[in-house]
Amino acid sequence: MSNQGNIELLSATLAKAKSEDRAALVAYLPAGFPTVDGAIEAAKAIIAGGADVVEIGLPHSDPVLDGAVIQTADDIALRGGVKIADVLRTVRETFEATGVPILVMTYWNPIDRYGVERFTAELAAAGGAGCILPDLPVQESALWREHAAEHGLATVFVVAPSSRDERLATITAAGSGFVYAASLMGVTGTRESVGNEAQELVRRTRTTTELPVCVGLGVSNAVQAKKVAGFADGVIVGSAFVKLLLDAPDEQAGLAAVRALAGELAEGVRRS
């Protein structure tokens, strides 16, 4: 297998969704939850339901940007002893089974400790499409970006409503694959105002880049997905899937539930 990642597949997948006049459905699941194999099965079920892209989370003991649901799942994964090797296996097996672009979402510290060259080489070898790095400052990202580009991996940075225009331009110029627009639920009050804030953030981001802009916004159902699909290139859903797995009485029920939700969301992101 050549040691090249799948950034081109990611770009082609997002372009295909656009050509079909819809937003891409991007799903998030942490590796190792409920088990390593269970997470691989859950990712495959979500893809079978209609997800276009999957983000595999690298569980972290202090996931500052994640809400209670994902923190709970991360705790379960960490108690189960999940390692970076398990995250890479999750990427490899999900990609080999589905052919869908798979990204890793991770805080910077684990990659820094593992080694940037080693991580990018192994993620590419596993068929990964890139990384979402929510806490890596752009001005400190040159080493990462050099190795990621060399291995055909996307570097997805996160922008937020608080990002000023000049900062947005700096972030989007450094990124590749797509831009992750985070509109944090509950911070600004009602759901509707968050939606409006996200829409404004997407508009501002698009003035700085040709990259697709995908929104992670606490979307948990088809109605919300449709609203976000009206202004974004992709709709990112994480906690809603994780909550179904947490609440499921057994693994088969969990897999059926996430597959069904993916199907509803996949309908929702079709704009017509």
C-alpha atoms as a PDB file:
ATOM      1  CA  MET A   1       0.000   0.000   0.000  1.00  0.00           C
ATOM      2  CA  SER A   2       1.417   3.406  -0.885  1.00  0.00           C
ATOM      3  CA  ASN A   3       1.947   5.683   2.048  1.00  0.00           C
ATOM      4  CA  GLN A   4      -0.428   8.332   0.711  1.00  0.00           C
ATOM      5  CA  GLY A   5      -3.515   9.448   2.529  1.00  0.00           C
ATOM      6  CA  ASN A   6      -6.901  10.204   1.072  1.00  0.00           C
ATOM      7  CA  ILE A   7      -7.271  13.996   0.995  1.00  0.00           C
ATOM      8  CA  GLU A   8      -8.307  13.709  -2.676  1.00  0.00           C
ATOM      9  CA  LEU A   9     -11.068  11.259  -1.790  1.00  0.00           C
ATOM     10  CA  LEU A  10     -12.287  13.703   0.878  1.00  0.00           C
ATOM     11  CA  SER A  11     -12.357  16.589  -1.600  1.00  0.00           C
ATOM     12  CA  ALA A  12     -14.087  14.451  -4.234  1.00  0.00           C
ATOM     13  CA  THR A  13     -16.705  13.289  -1.714  1.00  0.00           C
ATOM     14  CA  LEU A  14     -17.549  16.850  -0.687  1.00  0.00           C
ATOM     15  CA  ALA A  15     -17.646  17.935  -4.359  1.00  0.00           C
ATOM     16  CA  LYS A  16     -19.989  15.044  -5.207  1.00  0.00           C
ATOM     17  CA  ALA A  17     -22.423  16.068  -2.469  1.00  0.00           C
ATOM     18  CA  LYS A  18     -22.365  19.625  -3.821  1.00  0.00           C
ATOM     19  CA  SER A  19     -23.041  18.353  -7.359  1.00  0.00           C
ATOM     20  CA  GLU A  20     -26.100  16.545  -5.961  1.00  0.00           C
ATOM     21  CA  ASP A  21     -27.341  19.830  -4.449  1.00  0.00           C
ATOM     22  CA  ARG A  22     -27.008  18.665  -0.888  1.00  0.00           C
ATOM     23  CA  ALA A  23     -24.746  19.029   2.095  1.00  0.00           C
ATOM     24  CA  ALA A  24     -22.389  16.193   3.026  1.00  0.00           C
ATOM     25  CA  LEU A  25     -23.222  14.274   6.196  1.00  0.00           C
ATOM     26  CA  VAL A  26     -20.151  14.067   8.429  1.00  0.00           C
ATOM     27  CA  ALA A  27     -20.412  11.794  11.482  1.00  0.00           C
ATOM     28  CA  TYR A  28     -18.191  11.720  14.568  1.00  0.00           C
ATOM     29  CA  LEU A  29     -17.487   8.766  16.888  1.00  0.00           C
ATOM     30  CA  PRO A  30     -14.721   8.264  19.441  1.00  0.00           C
ATOM     31  CA  ALA A  31     -12.410   5.279  18.919  1.00  0.00           C
ATOM     32  CA  GLY A  32     -12.621   2.570  21.568  1.00  0.00           C
ATOM     33  CA  PHE A  33     -16.252   3.244  22.475  1.00  0.00           C
ATOM     34  CA  PRO A  34     -18.021   1.116  23.523  1.00  0.00           C
ATOM     35  CA  THR A  35     -15.002  -1.061  22.605  1.00  0.00           C
ATOM     36  CA  VAL A  36     -12.477  -0.838  19.764  1.00  0.00           C
ATOM     37  CA  ASP A  37     -14.427  -3.373  17.686  1.00  0.00           C
ATOM     38  CA  GLY A  38     -17.727  -1.809  18.742  1.00  0.00           C
ATOM     39  CA  ALA A  39     -16.625   1.591  17.450  1.00  0.00           C
ATOM     40  CA  ILE A  40     -15.607   0.078  14.096  1.00  0.00           C
ATOM     41  CA  GLU A  41     -19.012  -1.602  13.791  1.00  0.00           C
ATOM     42  CA  ALA A  42     -20.770   1.643  14.763  1.00  0.00           C
ATOM     43  CA  ALA A  43     -18.837   3.614  12.140  1.00  0.00           C
ATOM     44  CA  LYS A  44     -19.741   1.038   9.486  1.00  0.00           C
ATOM     45  CA  ALA A  45     -23.413   1.194  10.549  1.00  0.00           C
ATOM     46  CA  ILE A  46     -23.459   4.994  10.305  1.00  0.00           C
ATOM     47  CA  ILE A  47     -21.925   4.829   6.829  1.00  0.00           C
ATOM     48  CA  ALA A  48     -24.463   2.168   5.810  1.00  0.00           C
ATOM     49  CA  GLY A  49     -27.154   4.598   6.976  1.00  0.00           C
ATOM     50  CA  GLY A  50     -25.838   7.366   4.728  1.00  0.00           C
ATOM     51  CA  ALA A  51     -22.869   9.235   6.238  1.00  0.00           C
ATOM     52  CA  ASP A  52     -20.456  10.567   3.592  1.00  0.00           C
ATOM     53  CA  VAL A  53     -17.451  11.174   5.854  1.00  0.00           C
ATOM     54  CA  VAL A  54     -16.560   9.867   9.325  1.00  0.00           C
ATOM     55  CA  GLU A  55     -14.404  11.506  11.987  1.00  0.00           C
ATOM     56  CA  ILE A  56     -12.862   9.116  14.505  1.00  0.00           C
ATOM     57  CA  GLY A  57     -12.094  10.798  17.812  1.00  0.00           C
ATOM     58  CA  LEU A  58      -8.846  10.072  19.625  1.00  0.00           C
ATOM     59  CA  PRO A  59     -10.053   9.873  23.240  1.00  0.00           C
ATOM     60  CA  HIS A  60      -8.426  12.370  25.579  1.00  0.00           C
ATOM     61  CA  SER A  61      -8.510  12.663  29.353  1.00  0.00           C
ATOM     62  CA  ASP A  62      -9.298  16.383  29.185  1.00  0.00           C
ATOM     63  CA  PRO A  63     -11.444  16.965  26.086  1.00  0.00           C
ATOM     64  CA  VAL A  64     -11.998  20.680  26.731  1.00  0.00           C
ATOM     65  CA  LEU A  65     -14.038  21.286  23.578  1.00  0.00           C
ATOM     66  CA  ASP A  66     -16.368  18.314  24.007  1.00  0.00           C
ATOM     67  CA  GLY A  67     -19.636  18.180  25.899  1.00  0.00           C
ATOM     68  CA  ALA A  68     -20.676  15.719  28.604  1.00  0.00           C
ATOM     69  CA  VAL A  69     -21.873  12.987  26.214  1.00  0.00           C
ATOM     70  CA  ILE A  70     -18.550  12.693  24.370  1.00  0.00           C
ATOM     71  CA  GLN A  71     -16.585  13.054  27.625  1.00  0.00           C
ATOM     72  CA  THR A  72     -18.508  10.061  29.004  1.00  0.00           C
ATOM     73  CA  ALA A  73     -17.701   7.989  25.905  1.00  0.00           C
ATOM     74  CA  ASP A  74     -14.044   9.073  26.033  1.00  0.00           C
ATOM     75  CA  ASP A  75     -13.865   7.953  29.679  1.00  0.00           C
ATOM     76  CA  ILE A  76     -15.224   4.521  28.749  1.00  0.00           C
ATOM     77  CA  ALA A  77     -12.700   4.231  25.893  1.00  0.00           C
ATOM     78  CA  LEU A  78      -9.780   5.318  28.084  1.00  0.00           C
ATOM     79  CA  ARG A  79     -10.786   2.923  30.864  1.00  0.00           C
ATOM     80  CA  GLY A  80     -10.830   0.225  28.171  1.00  0.00           C
ATOM     81  CA  GLY A  81      -7.187   1.079  27.474  1.00  0.00           C
ATOM     82  CA  VAL A  82      -7.574   2.573  23.985  1.00  0.00           C
ATOM     83  CA  LYS A  83      -4.244   3.455  22.345  1.00  0.00           C
ATOM     84  CA  ILE A  84      -3.230   5.384  19.209  1.00  0.00           C
ATOM     85  CA  ALA A  85      -2.684   2.007  17.504  1.00  0.00           C
ATOM     86  CA  ASP A  86      -6.389   1.254  18.139  1.00  0.00           C
ATOM     87  CA  VAL A  87      -7.390   4.612  16.643  1.00  0.00           C
ATOM     88  CA  LEU A  88      -5.355   3.824  13.519  1.00  0.00           C
ATOM     89  CA  ARG A  89      -6.883   0.333  13.312  1.00  0.00           C
ATOM     90  CA  THR A  90     -10.344   1.898  13.564  1.00  0.00           C
ATOM     91  CA  VAL A  91      -9.490   4.171  10.626  1.00  0.00           C
ATOM     92  CA  ARG A  92      -8.015   1.305   8.585  1.00  0.00           C
ATOM     93  CA  GLU A  93     -10.809  -1.207   9.120  1.00  0.00           C
ATOM     94  CA  THR A  94     -13.586   1.343   8.600  1.00  0.00           C
ATOM     95  CA  PHE A  95     -11.964   2.631   5.415  1.00  0.00           C
ATOM     96  CA  GLU A  96     -11.242  -0.857   4.038  1.00  0.00           C
ATOM     97  CA  ALA A  97     -14.855  -1.920   4.671  1.00  0.00           C
ATOM     98  CA  THR A  98     -16.520   1.193   3.208  1.00  0.00           C
ATOM     99  CA  GLY A  99     -14.193   3.278   1.003  1.00  0.00           C
ATOM    100  CA  VAL A 100     -15.460   6.427   2.726  1.00  0.00           C
ATOM    101  CA  PRO A 101     -13.031   9.205   3.780  1.00  0.00           C
ATOM    102  CA  ILE A 102     -12.082   8.793   7.443  1.00  0.00           C
ATOM    103  CA  LEU A 103     -10.519  11.600   9.480  1.00  0.00           C
ATOM    104  CA  VAL A 104      -9.084  11.604  12.986  1.00  0.00           C
ATOM    105  CA  MET A 105     -10.188  14.347  15.360  1.00  0.00           C
ATOM    106  CA  THR A 106      -7.622  14.855  18.077  1.00  0.00           C
ATOM    107  CA  TYR A 107      -6.122  17.271  20.519  1.00  0.00           C
ATOM    108  CA  TRP A 108      -2.506  18.116  19.769  1.00  0.00           C
ATOM    109  CA  ASN A 109      -0.772  16.663  22.810  1.00  0.00           C
ATOM    110  CA  PRO A 110      -1.153  12.929  21.932  1.00  0.00           C
ATOM    111  CA  ILE A 111       0.235  13.490  18.407  1.00  0.00           C
ATOM    112  CA  ASP A 112       3.088  15.598  19.727  1.00  0.00           C
ATOM    113  CA  ARG A 113       4.043  12.804  22.133  1.00  0.00           C
ATOM    114  CA  TYR A 114       3.644  10.072  19.492  1.00  0.00           C
ATOM    115  CA  GLY A 115       5.703  11.990  16.924  1.00  0.00           C
ATOM    116  CA  VAL A 116       4.335  14.008  14.013  1.00  0.00           C
ATOM    117  CA  GLU A 117       6.207  12.133  11.276  1.00  0.00           C
ATOM    118  CA  ARG A 118       5.253   8.751  12.727  1.00  0.00           C
ATOM    119  CA  PHE A 119       1.589   9.685  13.173  1.00  0.00           C
ATOM    120  CA  THR A 120       1.133  11.176   9.687  1.00  0.00           C
ATOM    121  CA  ALA A 121       2.909   8.220   8.033  1.00  0.00           C
ATOM    122  CA  GLU A 122       0.798   5.682   9.948  1.00  0.00           C
ATOM    123  CA  LEU A 123      -2.478   7.547   9.404  1.00  0.00           C
ATOM    124  CA  ALA A 124      -1.779   7.689   5.654  1.00  0.00           C
ATOM    125  CA  ALA A 125      -0.861   3.999   5.612  1.00  0.00           C
ATOM    126  CA  ALA A 126      -4.183   3.244   7.316  1.00  0.00           C
ATOM    127  CA  GLY A 127      -6.014   5.031   4.484  1.00  0.00           C
ATOM    128  CA  GLY A 128      -6.900   8.102   6.560  1.00  0.00           C
ATOM    129  CA  ALA A 129      -7.989  11.304   4.842  1.00  0.00           C
ATOM    130  CA  GLY A 130      -6.570  13.724   7.394  1.00  0.00           C
ATOM    131  CA  CYS A 131      -6.931  15.242  10.825  1.00  0.00           C
ATOM    132  CA  ILE A 132      -9.129  17.778  12.575  1.00  0.00           C
ATOM    133  CA  LEU A 133      -6.987  19.585  15.119  1.00  0.00           C
ATOM    134  CA  PRO A 134      -9.215  21.780  17.300  1.00  0.00           C
ATOM    135  CA  ASP A 135      -6.519  23.059  19.657  1.00  0.00           C
ATOM    136  CA  LEU A 136      -3.444  23.370  17.400  1.00  0.00           C
ATOM    137  CA  PRO A 137      -2.750  27.084  16.849  1.00  0.00           C
ATOM    138  CA  VAL A 138      -2.218  27.824  13.152  1.00  0.00           C
ATOM    139  CA  GLN A 139       0.998  29.713  13.907  1.00  0.00           C
ATOM    140  CA  GLU A 140       2.435  26.558  15.535  1.00  0.00           C
ATOM    141  CA  SER A 141       1.237  24.159  12.829  1.00  0.00           C
ATOM    142  CA  ALA A 142       3.993  24.336  10.180  1.00  0.00           C
ATOM    143  CA  LEU A 143       5.679  21.034  11.122  1.00  0.00           C
ATOM    144  CA  TRP A 144       2.349  19.198  11.166  1.00  0.00           C
ATOM    145  CA  ARG A 145       1.209  20.697   7.854  1.00  0.00           C
ATOM    146  CA  GLU A 146       4.486  19.844   6.121  1.00  0.00           C
ATOM    147  CA  HIS A 147       4.226  16.160   7.092  1.00  0.00           C
ATOM    148  CA  ALA A 148       0.472  16.013   6.432  1.00  0.00           C
ATOM    149  CA  ALA A 149       0.911  17.467   2.926  1.00  0.00           C
ATOM    150  CA  GLU A 150       3.769  15.072   2.214  1.00  0.00           C
ATOM    151  CA  HIS A 151       1.496  12.140   3.123  1.00  0.00           C
ATOM    152  CA  GLY A 152      -1.649  13.326   1.309  1.00  0.00           C
ATOM    153  CA  LEU A 153      -3.570  14.199   4.482  1.00  0.00           C
ATOM    154  CA  ALA A 154      -5.967  17.088   5.063  1.00  0.00           C
ATOM    155  CA  THR A 155      -5.392  19.538   7.914  1.00  0.00           C
ATOM    156  CA  VAL A 156      -8.798  20.715   9.088  1.00  0.00           C
ATOM    157  CA  PHE A 157      -8.812  23.718  11.387  1.00  0.00           C
ATOM    158  CA  VAL A 158     -11.734  24.904  13.495  1.00  0.00           C
ATOM    159  CA  VAL A 159     -13.183  28.413  13.269  1.00  0.00           C
ATOM    160  CA  ALA A 160     -15.708  29.856  15.703  1.00  0.00           C
ATOM    161  CA  PRO A 161     -18.147  32.781  15.763  1.00  0.00           C
ATOM    162  CA  SER A 162     -15.633  34.635  17.943  1.00  0.00           C
ATOM    163  CA  SER A 163     -12.934  34.433  15.219  1.00  0.00           C
ATOM    164  CA  ARG A 164     -12.365  37.867  13.666  1.00  0.00           C
ATOM    165  CA  ASP A 165     -12.238  38.225   9.879  1.00  0.00           C
ATOM    166  CA  GLU A 166      -8.463  38.657   9.717  1.00  0.00           C
ATOM    167  CA  ARG A 167      -7.985  35.575  11.910  1.00  0.00           C
ATOM    168  CA  LEU A 168     -10.457  33.595   9.762  1.00  0.00           C
ATOM    169  CA  ALA A 169      -8.362  34.350   6.684  1.00  0.00           C
ATOM    170  CA  THR A 170      -5.175  33.169   8.436  1.00  0.00           C
ATOM    171  CA  ILE A 171      -6.817  29.933   9.568  1.00  0.00           C
ATOM    172  CA  THR A 172      -8.462  29.079   6.254  1.00  0.00           C
ATOM    173  CA  ALA A 173      -5.288  29.837   4.260  1.00  0.00           C
ATOM    174  CA  ALA A 174      -3.414  27.244   6.342  1.00  0.00           C
ATOM    175  CA  GLY A 175      -6.080  24.541   6.223  1.00  0.00           C
ATOM    176  CA  SER A 176      -6.995  21.914   3.641  1.00  0.00           C
ATOM    177  CA  GLY A 177      -9.840  19.480   2.998  1.00  0.00           C
ATOM    178  CA  PHE A 178     -12.550  21.616   4.558  1.00  0.00           C
ATOM    179  CA  VAL A 179     -13.067  24.199   7.278  1.00  0.00           C
ATOM    180  CA  TYR A 180     -14.796  23.087  10.485  1.00  0.00           C
ATOM    181  CA  ALA A 181     -17.128  25.874  11.608  1.00  0.00           C
ATOM    182  CA  ALA A 182     -17.969  25.348  15.269  1.00  0.00           C
ATOM    183  CA  SER A 183     -21.078  27.037  16.518  1.00  0.00           C
ATOM    184  CA  LEU A 184     -21.305  25.999  20.119  1.00  0.00           C
ATOM    185  CA  MET A 185     -24.768  25.006  21.303  1.00  0.00           C
ATOM    186  CA  GLY A 186     -26.132  26.622  24.410  1.00  0.00           C
ATOM    187  CA  VAL A 187     -23.488  29.315  24.574  1.00  0.00           C
ATOM    188  CA  THR A 188     -25.561  32.007  22.914  1.00  0.00           C
ATOM    189  CA  GLY A 189     -29.034  31.054  24.060  1.00  0.00           C
ATOM    190  CA  THR A 190     -31.722  29.626  21.837  1.00  0.00           C
ATOM    191  CA  ARG A 191     -31.173  27.104  19.098  1.00  0.00           C
ATOM    192  CA  GLU A 192     -32.404  29.494  16.459  1.00  0.00           C
ATOM    193  CA  SER A 193     -29.921  32.207  17.351  1.00  0.00           C
ATOM    194  CA  VAL A 194     -27.125  29.630  17.242  1.00  0.00           C
ATOM    195  CA  GLY A 195     -28.283  28.684  13.745  1.00  0.00           C
ATOM    196  CA  ASN A 196     -28.192  32.317  12.672  1.00  0.00           C
ATOM    197  CA  GLU A 197     -24.742  32.734  14.193  1.00  0.00           C
ATOM    198  CA  ALA A 198     -23.515  29.638  12.363  1.00  0.00           C
ATOM    199  CA  GLN A 199     -24.944  30.932   9.087  1.00  0.00           C
ATOM    200  CA  GLU A 200     -23.135  34.248   9.547  1.00  0.00           C
ATOM    201  CA  LEU A 201     -19.891  32.406  10.409  1.00  0.00           C
ATOM    202  CA  VAL A 202     -20.176  30.312   7.213  1.00  0.00           C
ATOM    203  CA  ARG A 203     -20.780  33.465   5.160  1.00  0.00           C
ATOM    204  CA  ARG A 204     -17.724  35.180   6.667  1.00  0.00           C
ATOM    205  CA  THR A 205     -15.561  32.074   6.254  1.00  0.00           C
ATOM    206  CA  ARG A 206     -16.519  31.705   2.595  1.00  0.00           C
ATOM    207  CA  THR A 207     -15.239  35.192   1.815  1.00  0.00           C
ATOM    208  CA  THR A 208     -11.749  33.937   2.768  1.00  0.00           C
ATOM    209  CA  THR A 209     -11.557  30.512   1.095  1.00  0.00           C
ATOM    210  CA  GLU A 210     -12.693  28.154  -1.656  1.00  0.00           C
ATOM    211  CA  LEU A 211     -12.634  25.227   0.790  1.00  0.00           C
ATOM    212  CA  PRO A 212     -15.973  23.646   1.723  1.00  0.00           C
ATOM    213  CA  VAL A 213     -17.310  24.793   5.101  1.00  0.00           C
ATOM    214  CA  CYS A 214     -18.854  22.139   7.360  1.00  0.00           C
ATOM    215  CA  VAL A 215     -20.790  23.066  10.485  1.00  0.00           C
ATOM    216  CA  GLY A 216     -20.739  21.270  13.807  1.00  0.00           C
ATOM    217  CA  LEU A 217     -23.518  22.802  15.828  1.00  0.00           C
ATOM    218  CA  GLY A 218     -25.185  20.323  18.100  1.00  0.00           C
ATOM    219  CA  VAL A 219     -27.285  19.042  15.201  1.00  0.00           C
ATOM    220  CA  SER A 220     -29.188  16.015  16.424  1.00  0.00           C
ATOM    221  CA  ASN A 221     -32.142  15.520  14.070  1.00  0.00           C
ATOM    222  CA  ALA A 222     -33.204  15.799  10.429  1.00  0.00           C
ATOM    223  CA  VAL A 223     -34.968  19.150  10.893  1.00  0.00           C
ATOM    224  CA  GLN A 224     -31.809  20.782  12.234  1.00  0.00           C
ATOM    225  CA  ALA A 225     -29.718  19.036   9.569  1.00  0.00           C
ATOM    226  CA  LYS A 226     -31.931  20.500   6.854  1.00  0.00           C
ATOM    227  CA  LYS A 227     -31.595  24.000   8.304  1.00  0.00           C
ATOM    228  CA  VAL A 228     -27.789  23.783   8.412  1.00  0.00           C
ATOM    229  CA  ALA A 229     -27.670  22.157   4.946  1.00  0.00           C
ATOM    230  CA  GLY A 230     -29.386  25.302   3.678  1.00  0.00           C
ATOM    231  CA  PHE A 231     -26.199  27.322   4.234  1.00  0.00           C
ATOM    232  CA  ALA A 232     -23.272  24.905   4.792  1.00  0.00           C
ATOM    233  CA  ASP A 233     -21.375  22.417   2.609  1.00  0.00           C
ATOM    234  CA  GLY A 234     -21.446  19.763   5.299  1.00  0.00           C
ATOM    235  CA  VAL A 235     -23.345  18.969   8.488  1.00  0.00           C
ATOM    236  CA  ILE A 236     -21.313  17.426  11.320  1.00  0.00           C
ATOM    237  CA  VAL A 237     -23.119  15.243  13.873  1.00  0.00           C
ATOM    238  CA  GLY A 238     -21.395  13.639  16.852  1.00  0.00           C
ATOM    239  CA  SER A 239     -23.065  13.704  20.251  1.00  0.00           C
ATOM    240  CA  ALA A 240     -26.418  12.490  18.896  1.00  0.00           C
ATOM    241  CA  PHE A 241     -24.788   9.262  17.648  1.00  0.00           C
ATOM    242  CA  VAL A 242     -22.732   8.812  20.818  1.00  0.00           C
ATOM    243  CA  LYS A 243     -25.828   9.325  23.003  1.00  0.00           C
ATOM    244  CA  LEU A 244     -27.701   6.571  21.121  1.00  0.00           C
ATOM    245  CA  LEU A 245     -24.818   4.172  21.764  1.00  0.00           C
ATOM    246  CA  LEU A 246     -24.651   5.188  25.436  1.00  0.00           C
ATOM    247  CA  ASP A 247     -28.399   4.703  25.881  1.00  0.00           C
ATOM    248  CA  ALA A 248     -28.716   1.440  23.928  1.00  0.00           C
ATOM    249  CA  PRO A 249     -29.621  -1.693  25.946  1.00  0.00           C
ATOM    250  CA  ASP A 250     -27.115  -3.764  23.930  1.00  0.00           C
ATOM    251  CA  GLU A 251     -24.677  -3.449  21.040  1.00  0.00           C
ATOM    252  CA  GLN A 252     -27.049  -4.612  18.280  1.00  0.00           C
ATOM    253  CA  ALA A 253     -29.691  -2.116  19.385  1.00  0.00           C
ATOM    254  CA  GLY A 254     -27.045   0.622  19.384  1.00  0.00           C
ATOM    255  CA  LEU A 255     -25.930  -0.232  15.851  1.00  0.00           C
ATOM    256  CA  ALA A 256     -29.522  -0.246  14.585  1.00  0.00           C
ATOM    257  CA  ALA A 257     -30.190   3.106  16.273  1.00  0.00           C
ATOM    258  CA  VAL A 258     -27.153   4.902  14.802  1.00  0.00           C
ATOM    259  CA  ARG A 259     -27.820   3.483  11.361  1.00  0.00           C
ATOM    260  CA  ALA A 260     -31.417   4.733  11.506  1.00  0.00           C
ATOM    261  CA  LEU A 261     -30.358   8.220  12.684  1.00  0.00           C
ATOM    262  CA  ALA A 262     -27.776   8.421   9.874  1.00  0.00           C
ATOM    263  CA  GLY A 263     -30.550   7.588   7.413  1.00  0.00           C
ATOM    264  CA  GLU A 264     -32.803  10.349   8.775  1.00  0.00           C
ATOM    265  CA  LEU A 265     -29.943  12.871   8.721  1.00  0.00           C
ATOM    266  CA  ALA A 266     -28.950  11.823   5.183  1.00  0.00           C
ATOM    267  CA  GLU A 267     -32.511  12.677   4.106  1.00  0.00           C
ATOM    268  CA  GLY A 268     -32.305  15.955   6.012  1.00  0.00           C
ATOM    269  CA  VAL A 269     -29.163  17.196   4.256  1.00  0.00           C
ATOM    270  CA  ARG A 270     -30.873  16.869   0.846  1.00  0.00           C
ATOM    271  CA  ARG A 271     -32.035  20.419   0.339  1.00  0.00           C
ATOM    272  CA  SER A 272     -34.942  19.933  -2.074  1.00  0.00           C
END
